[in-house]
C-alpha atoms as a PDB file:
ATOM      1  CA  MET A   1      70.060 116.214  44.937  1.00  0.00           C
ATOM      2  CA  SER A   2      70.746 117.904  48.330  1.00  0.00           C
ATOM      3  CA  LEU A   3      70.154 115.989  51.366  1.00  0.00           C
ATOM      4  CA  LYS A   4      68.896 117.746  54.465  1.00  0.00           C
ATOM      5  CA  LYS A   5      69.602 117.627  58.161  1.00  0.00           C
ATOM      6  CA  LEU A   6      72.891 115.110  57.669  1.00  0.00           C
ATOM      7  CA  SER A   7      74.293 117.256  60.757  1.00  0.00           C
ATOM      8  CA  LEU A   8      71.732 115.617  63.200  1.00  0.00           C
ATOM      9  CA  PHE A   9      73.350 112.145  62.529  1.00  0.00           C
ATOM     10  CA  GLN A  10      77.026 113.298  62.978  1.00  0.00           C
ATOM     11  CA  TYR A  11      78.858 112.420  66.291  1.00  0.00           C
ATOM     12  CA  PHE A  12      81.680 113.621  67.959  1.00  0.00           C
ATOM     13  CA  ASP A  13      83.423 111.725  70.679  1.00  0.00           C
ATOM     14  CA  ILE A  14      84.348 114.493  72.867  1.00  0.00           C
ATOM     15  CA  ASP A  15      85.622 112.153  75.647  1.00  0.00           C
ATOM     16  CA  THR A  16      88.330 110.588  73.171  1.00  0.00           C
ATOM     17  CA  TRP A  17      89.282 113.985  71.976  1.00  0.00           C
ATOM     18  CA  LEU A  18      89.786 115.411  75.506  1.00  0.00           C
ATOM     19  CA  ALA A  19      91.477 112.315  76.915  1.00  0.00           C
ATOM     20  CA  LYS A  20      95.124 113.370  76.544  1.00  0.00           C
ATOM     21  CA  LYS A  21      94.480 117.098  76.917  1.00  0.00           C
ATOM     22  CA  LYS A  22      94.130 119.435  79.923  1.00  0.00           C
ATOM     23  CA  LEU A  23      91.974 122.361  80.223  1.00  0.00           C
ATOM     24  CA  MET A  24      92.616 125.409  82.363  1.00  0.00           C
ATOM     25  CA  SER A  25      89.836 127.903  83.223  1.00  0.00           C
ATOM     26  CA  VAL A  26      90.585 131.418  82.100  1.00  0.00           C
ATOM     27  CA  GLY A  27      87.042 133.274  82.256  1.00  0.00           C
ATOM     28  CA  ILE A  28      83.576 132.784  83.262  1.00  0.00           C
ATOM     29  CA  GLN A  29      80.351 134.559  82.031  1.00  0.00           C
ATOM     30  CA  VAL A  30      76.729 134.486  82.024  1.00  0.00           C
ATOM     31  CA  TRP A  31      75.349 132.006  79.425  1.00  0.00           C
ATOM     32  CA  ARG A  32      72.062 133.483  77.663  1.00  0.00           C
ATOM     33  CA  ASP A  33      69.858 132.459  75.127  1.00  0.00           C
ATOM     34  CA  PHE A  34      70.730 134.620  71.970  1.00  0.00           C
ATOM     35  CA  GLU A  35      67.136 135.687  71.085  1.00  0.00           C
ATOM     36  CA  THR A  36      65.479 136.072  74.406  1.00  0.00           C
ATOM     37  CA  GLN A  37      68.359 136.813  76.512  1.00  0.00           C
ATOM     38  CA  ARG A  38      67.267 134.374  79.148  1.00  0.00           C
ATOM     39  CA  VAL A  39      69.920 133.073  81.433  1.00  0.00           C
ATOM     40  CA  LEU A  40      70.694 129.459  80.619  1.00  0.00           C
ATOM     41  CA  GLY A  41      73.457 128.875  83.019  1.00  0.00           C
ATOM     42  CA  THR A  42      77.152 129.593  82.845  1.00  0.00           C
ATOM     43  CA  LYS A  43      79.825 129.918  79.946  1.00  0.00           C
ATOM     44  CA  ILE A  44      83.325 128.960  81.199  1.00  0.00           C
ATOM     45  CA  ASP A  45      86.285 129.930  78.868  1.00  0.00           C
ATOM     46  CA  VAL A  46      89.101 127.337  78.999  1.00  0.00           C
ATOM     47  CA  VAL A  47      92.424 126.906  77.323  1.00  0.00           C
ATOM     48  CA  ILE A  48      93.990 123.763  76.078  1.00  0.00           C
ATOM     49  CA  VAL A  49      97.428 123.765  78.147  1.00  0.00           C
ATOM     50  CA  SER A  50      98.469 120.135  77.267  1.00  0.00           C
ATOM     51  CA  ASP A  51      97.752 118.174  74.337  1.00  0.00           C
ATOM     52  CA  GLU A  52      99.282 114.680  73.877  1.00  0.00           C
ATOM     53  CA  THR A  53      96.797 113.608  71.250  1.00  0.00           C
ATOM     54  CA  ASP A  54      98.267 111.408  68.333  1.00  0.00           C
ATOM     55  CA  TYR A  55      96.624 113.239  65.253  1.00  0.00           C
ATOM     56  CA  GLY A  56      98.423 111.024  62.773  1.00  0.00           C
ATOM     57  CA  ASN A  57     101.218 113.391  61.687  1.00  0.00           C
ATOM     58  CA  SER A  58     102.520 111.485  58.612  1.00  0.00           C
ATOM     59  CA  ASP A  59     104.196 114.395  56.943  1.00  0.00           C
ATOM     60  CA  GLY A  60     106.580 115.661  59.890  1.00  0.00           C
ATOM     61  CA  ASN A  61     104.390 118.696  60.557  1.00  0.00           C
ATOM     62  CA  VAL A  62     103.580 119.007  64.272  1.00  0.00           C
ATOM     63  CA  VAL A  63      99.797 119.458  64.586  1.00  0.00           C
ATOM     64  CA  ASN A  64      97.929 119.877  68.010  1.00  0.00           C
ATOM     65  CA  ASN A  65      95.525 122.438  69.810  1.00  0.00           C
ATOM     66  CA  LEU A  66      97.766 123.652  72.460  1.00  0.00           C
ATOM     67  CA  TYR A  67      96.689 127.174  73.544  1.00  0.00           C
ATOM     68  CA  GLU A  68      93.489 126.809  71.642  1.00  0.00           C
ATOM     69  CA  LYS A  69      90.542 128.655  73.627  1.00  0.00           C
ATOM     70  CA  LEU A  70      87.140 126.992  74.017  1.00  0.00           C
ATOM     71  CA  SER A  71      84.006 128.125  75.660  1.00  0.00           C
ATOM     72  CA  VAL A  72      82.011 125.368  77.653  1.00  0.00           C
ATOM     73  CA  LYS A  73      78.365 125.921  78.266  1.00  0.00           C
ATOM     74  CA  ILE A  74      77.129 124.629  81.854  1.00  0.00           C
ATOM     75  CA  PRO A  75      73.336 124.548  82.701  1.00  0.00           C
ATOM     76  CA  ALA A  76      73.760 125.927  86.237  1.00  0.00           C
ATOM     77  CA  LYS A  77      75.056 128.930  87.771  1.00  0.00           C
ATOM     78  CA  LEU A  78      78.670 128.495  88.881  1.00  0.00           C
ATOM     79  CA  ASN A  79      79.855 131.714  90.739  1.00  0.00           C
ATOM     80  CA  ASN A  80      83.098 129.989  92.323  1.00  0.00           C
ATOM     81  CA  VAL A  81      85.077 128.824  89.326  1.00  0.00           C
ATOM     82  CA  PRO A  82      88.942 129.773  90.171  1.00  0.00           C
ATOM     83  CA  MET A  83      90.624 131.231  87.438  1.00  0.00           C
ATOM     84  CA  ASN A  84      93.908 129.464  85.921  1.00  0.00           C
ATOM     85  CA  THR A  85      92.915 126.084  87.259  1.00  0.00           C
ATOM     86  CA  VAL A  86      92.869 122.758  85.611  1.00  0.00           C
ATOM     87  CA  ILE A  87      89.495 121.448  85.304  1.00  0.00           C
ATOM     88  CA  ARG A  88      87.691 118.490  83.918  1.00  0.00           C
ATOM     89  CA  LEU A  89      84.373 118.673  82.283  1.00  0.00           C
ATOM     90  CA  VAL A  90      81.554 116.387  83.639  1.00  0.00           C
ATOM     91  CA  ASN A  91      79.513 114.525  81.079  1.00  0.00           C
ATOM     92  CA  PRO A  92      80.502 116.831  78.080  1.00  0.00           C
ATOM     93  CA  GLU A  93      78.674 116.787  74.882  1.00  0.00           C
ATOM     94  CA  ALA A  94      80.047 118.326  71.492  1.00  0.00           C
ATOM     95  CA  VAL A  95      78.903 119.496  68.045  1.00  0.00           C
ATOM     96  CA  VAL A  96      81.348 120.174  65.210  1.00  0.00           C
ATOM     97  CA  TYR A  97      80.171 123.190  63.129  1.00  0.00           C
ATOM     98  CA  GLY A  98      81.212 125.759  60.879  1.00  0.00           C
ATOM     99  CA  GLU A  99      81.708 126.032  57.061  1.00  0.00           C
ATOM    100  CA  TYR A 100      84.995 124.234  57.270  1.00  0.00           C
ATOM    101  CA  ARG A 101      83.827 121.935  60.228  1.00  0.00           C
ATOM    102  CA  ASN A 102      86.534 123.212  62.525  1.00  0.00           C
ATOM    103  CA  ALA A 103      84.695 124.718  65.419  1.00  0.00           C
ATOM    104  CA  LEU A 104      83.312 122.820  68.410  1.00  0.00           C
ATOM    105  CA  SER A 105      80.278 123.496  70.621  1.00  0.00           C
ATOM    106  CA  ILE A 106      80.561 122.037  74.147  1.00  0.00           C
ATOM    107  CA  THR A 107      78.175 121.434  76.818  1.00  0.00           C
ATOM    108  CA  ALA A 108      78.815 119.764  80.098  1.00  0.00           C
ATOM    109  CA  GLU A 109      76.669 118.758  83.220  1.00  0.00           C
ATOM    110  CA  ASN A 110      79.544 120.694  85.274  1.00  0.00           C
ATOM    111  CA  ILE A 111      83.195 120.964  85.897  1.00  0.00           C
ATOM    112  CA  GLU A 112      85.536 119.344  88.573  1.00  0.00           C
ATOM    113  CA  ILE A 113      88.594 121.178  89.738  1.00  0.00           C
ATOM    114  CA  VAL A 114      91.599 119.075  89.100  1.00  0.00           C
ATOM    115  CA  GLY A 115      94.574 121.238  90.158  1.00  0.00           C
ATOM    116  CA  LYS A 116      96.812 124.108  89.293  1.00  0.00           C
END
């Protein structure tokens, strides 16, 4: 038996995942619909510059997501996002995807500048 649409019932707690991380803005571009090329908002590229999350390392290996790059989709036109600035996502939502469930699609209402 092959069940369908199970991914609709998976939940990723982005707030808890981001709680002990700092994100820095490193790029900005227009977010467009892939098929129609209609402008949907802004995509902000961020890098995780601090990751204090406890991933439950029991075998002595250090695991973190430090310096991983993410793209955050914002459904608004943002022109003045300073680069190399620590930001916070406002009301983020995320979906885990990919063959190995190791990719993250993030949307947020907006961003807040936290500092340098």
